[in-house]
Protein backbone atom coordinates (compact mmCIF):
# COMPACT_ATOMS: atom_id res chain seq x y z
CA MET A 1 82.38 103.84 165.76
CA ALA A 2 82.34 106.62 168.24
CA LEU A 3 84.45 104.82 170.77
CA ARG A 4 87.07 103.59 168.28
CA THR A 5 87.27 107.15 166.85
CA LEU A 6 87.47 109.11 170.11
CA ARG A 7 89.21 106.40 172.30
CA ASP A 8 87.33 107.54 175.28
CA PRO A 9 84.21 106.08 176.61
CA GLU A 10 82.81 109.32 178.06
CA GLU A 11 83.61 111.29 174.99
CA ALA A 12 82.09 108.59 172.74
CA ALA A 13 78.97 108.45 175.01
CA ASP A 14 78.62 112.40 174.74
CA ALA A 15 79.35 112.31 170.99
CA LEU A 16 76.61 109.48 170.55
CA GLN A 17 74.09 111.46 172.50
CA GLU A 18 74.77 114.72 170.47
CA ALA A 19 74.61 112.44 167.25
CA PHE A 20 71.16 111.03 168.24
CA ILE A 21 69.80 114.57 169.13
CA SER A 22 70.97 115.72 165.71
CA ALA A 23 69.54 112.78 164.00
CA PHE A 24 66.08 113.42 165.77
CA ARG A 25 66.14 117.05 164.69
CA ALA A 26 67.01 116.11 161.08
CA ALA A 27 64.80 113.06 160.68
CA ALA A 28 62.28 115.08 158.62
CA SER A 29 65.07 115.88 156.10
CA PHE A 30 66.15 112.33 155.59
CA ARG A 31 65.83 111.69 151.88
CA ALA A 32 66.17 107.88 151.73
CA GLU A 33 68.93 108.02 149.15
CA SER A 34 70.99 105.80 151.33
CA GLN A 35 70.36 103.37 154.17
CA VAL A 36 69.32 104.85 157.46
CA SER A 37 72.51 103.19 159.09
CA THR A 38 74.67 105.04 156.58
CA TRP A 39 73.11 108.25 157.39
CA LEU A 40 73.26 107.71 161.17
CA HIS A 41 76.96 106.74 160.77
CA ARG A 42 77.58 110.00 159.06
CA ILE A 43 75.86 111.91 161.92
CA VAL A 44 78.09 109.96 164.38
CA VAL A 45 81.23 110.62 162.56
CA ASN A 46 80.41 114.38 162.38
CA ALA A 47 79.74 114.48 166.14
CA CYS A 48 82.94 112.70 166.83
CA LEU A 49 84.99 115.04 164.50
CA ASP A 50 83.36 117.97 166.23
CA ARG A 51 84.49 116.73 169.62
CA VAL A 52 88.10 116.11 168.35
CA ARG A 53 88.20 119.64 167.18
CA ARG A 54 86.96 120.98 170.46
CA ARG A 55 89.32 118.63 172.20
CA GLN A 56 92.40 119.99 170.27
CA ALA A 57 91.38 123.47 171.34
CA ARG A 58 91.14 122.51 174.98
CA PRO A 59 93.45 119.43 175.60
CA THR A 60 92.89 117.33 178.62
CA VAL A 61 94.58 114.38 180.25
CA PRO A 62 92.54 111.37 180.56
CA MET A 63 91.86 109.61 183.86
CA PRO A 64 93.51 106.28 184.52
CA GLU A 65 91.38 103.23 183.71
CA GLU A 66 90.14 100.81 186.53
CA PRO A 67 93.05 98.79 188.06
CA HIS A 68 94.17 95.58 186.15
CA ARG A 69 92.81 92.29 187.37
CA GLU A 70 94.33 88.81 186.96
CA PRO A 71 93.37 87.04 183.67
CA VAL A 72 90.80 84.28 184.25
CA ALA A 73 91.55 82.54 180.80
CA PRO A 74 94.78 80.69 180.48
CA ARG A 75 95.58 82.53 177.21
CA ASP A 76 98.18 85.22 177.21
CA VAL A 77 95.70 88.12 177.87
CA MET A 78 98.56 90.39 178.91
CA ASP A 79 100.29 90.09 175.56
CA GLU A 80 97.09 90.56 173.72
CA ARG A 81 96.28 93.67 175.74
CA VAL A 82 99.74 95.09 175.03
CA THR A 83 99.21 94.46 171.31
CA SER A 84 95.83 96.05 171.47
CA LEU A 85 97.24 99.19 173.17
CA ALA A 86 100.09 99.38 170.69
CA VAL A 87 97.54 99.41 167.73
CA GLN A 88 95.44 101.90 169.47
CA ASP A 89 98.35 104.17 170.06
CA ALA A 90 99.57 103.76 166.41
CA LEU A 91 95.95 104.64 165.16
CA ALA A 92 95.86 107.69 167.41
CA GLU A 93 99.17 108.98 165.79
CA LEU A 94 97.52 108.85 162.36
CA PRO A 95 95.97 112.01 161.09
CA GLU A 96 92.07 111.93 161.52
CA GLU A 97 91.52 111.91 157.75
CA GLN A 98 93.53 108.60 157.56
CA ARG A 99 92.26 107.24 160.78
CA ALA A 100 88.40 107.31 160.16
CA PRO A 101 88.84 105.33 156.65
CA ILE A 102 91.05 102.54 158.23
CA ILE A 103 88.59 102.09 161.20
CA LEU A 104 85.65 101.81 158.86
CA VAL A 105 87.28 99.56 156.41
CA ASP A 106 89.86 97.49 158.15
CA VAL A 107 88.45 97.40 161.75
CA GLN A 108 84.77 97.59 161.23
CA GLY A 109 84.62 95.84 157.88
CA TYR A 110 82.78 98.28 155.67
CA SER A 111 83.27 98.27 152.02
CA VAL A 112 85.21 101.17 150.36
CA ALA A 113 82.01 102.36 148.89
CA GLU A 114 79.93 102.28 152.17
CA SER A 115 82.92 103.98 153.94
CA ALA A 116 83.03 106.58 151.20
CA GLN A 117 79.41 107.30 151.70
CA ILE A 118 79.71 107.43 155.44
CA LEU A 119 82.59 109.96 155.26
CA GLY A 120 81.15 112.00 152.41
CA ILE A 121 84.14 111.53 150.22
CA ALA A 122 84.93 109.81 147.11
CA GLU A 123 85.89 106.01 146.88
CA GLY A 124 89.42 106.71 145.52
CA THR A 125 90.04 109.09 148.44
CA VAL A 126 89.11 106.39 150.83
CA LYS A 127 91.41 103.96 149.00
CA SER A 128 94.41 106.40 148.94
CA ARG A 129 93.87 107.58 152.59
CA CYS A 130 93.67 103.91 153.75
CA ALA A 131 96.86 103.01 151.60
CA ARG A 132 98.75 106.02 153.31
CA GLY A 133 97.51 105.06 156.75
CA ARG A 134 98.45 101.47 156.36
CA ALA A 135 101.87 102.41 155.40
CA LYS A 136 102.38 104.56 158.47
CA LEU A 137 100.80 101.85 160.69
CA ALA A 138 103.46 99.40 159.16
CA LYS A 139 106.29 101.53 160.22
CA LEU A 140 104.67 102.08 163.74
CA LEU A 141 103.76 98.54 164.36
CA GLY A 142 106.71 96.85 162.75
CA HIS A 143 108.07 95.74 166.02
CA LEU A 144 105.09 93.51 166.66
CA ARG A 145 105.79 91.40 163.54
CA ASN A 146 109.44 90.86 164.44
CA PRO A 147 110.24 92.03 168.11
CA ASP A 148 114.07 91.16 167.58
CA ALA A 149 114.53 93.51 164.69
CA SER A 150 115.05 97.20 165.56
CA ALA A 151 113.74 98.46 162.32
CA ASN A 152 112.07 95.87 160.20
CA VAL A 153 110.09 98.28 158.00
CA SER A 154 111.86 100.78 155.86
CA PRO A 155 111.02 104.44 156.27
CA ASP A 156 109.61 104.76 152.70
CA ALA A 157 107.42 101.54 153.14
CA GLY A 158 104.41 102.06 151.00
CA ALA A 159 106.05 104.48 148.73
CA MET A 160 106.42 103.65 145.15
CA ALA A 161 109.91 103.25 143.81
CA PRO A 162 111.07 106.04 141.26
CA ARG A 163 110.83 105.09 137.68
CA ARG A 164 114.01 104.86 135.80
CA PRO A 165 113.97 106.39 132.20
CA ARG A 166 114.06 104.04 129.43
CA GLU A 167 117.28 103.82 127.45
CA GLY A 168 117.51 103.77 123.68
CA ARG A 169 114.62 106.17 123.01
């Protein structure tokens, strides 16, 4: 969760360390109203959000990753990597309030109810944030579906069409 949220292994490791320290300190206050995993996820999410806020105050440039190696498997690893990077970049463009629910529901497979509990928000809020985030992702990732089309997703994708007034009433 920390790695997918922060997208930086070092930041994720630091956030996880802070989260476990927080969990250790708050262990006596755990009320068992939810599962321990849900409680821990909430602590990790909070630690990640704290780091994101701190990072925005002091932006940095990430170091380049290790050099690329030749793929061992005969599959098209490079194409998979390009797609993965495109999805990661698109997720990074989403506001944090939309990114976190999408990662929990669509990437990690949590239910809407579990995601709402982890994030400390209402289930309807998780659904609406996921819907808005998915609409933005559709625009950002439309080129992956049809590489030949320059714009295969309309700018108002995901938006509801305006209702026409009924005549005769």
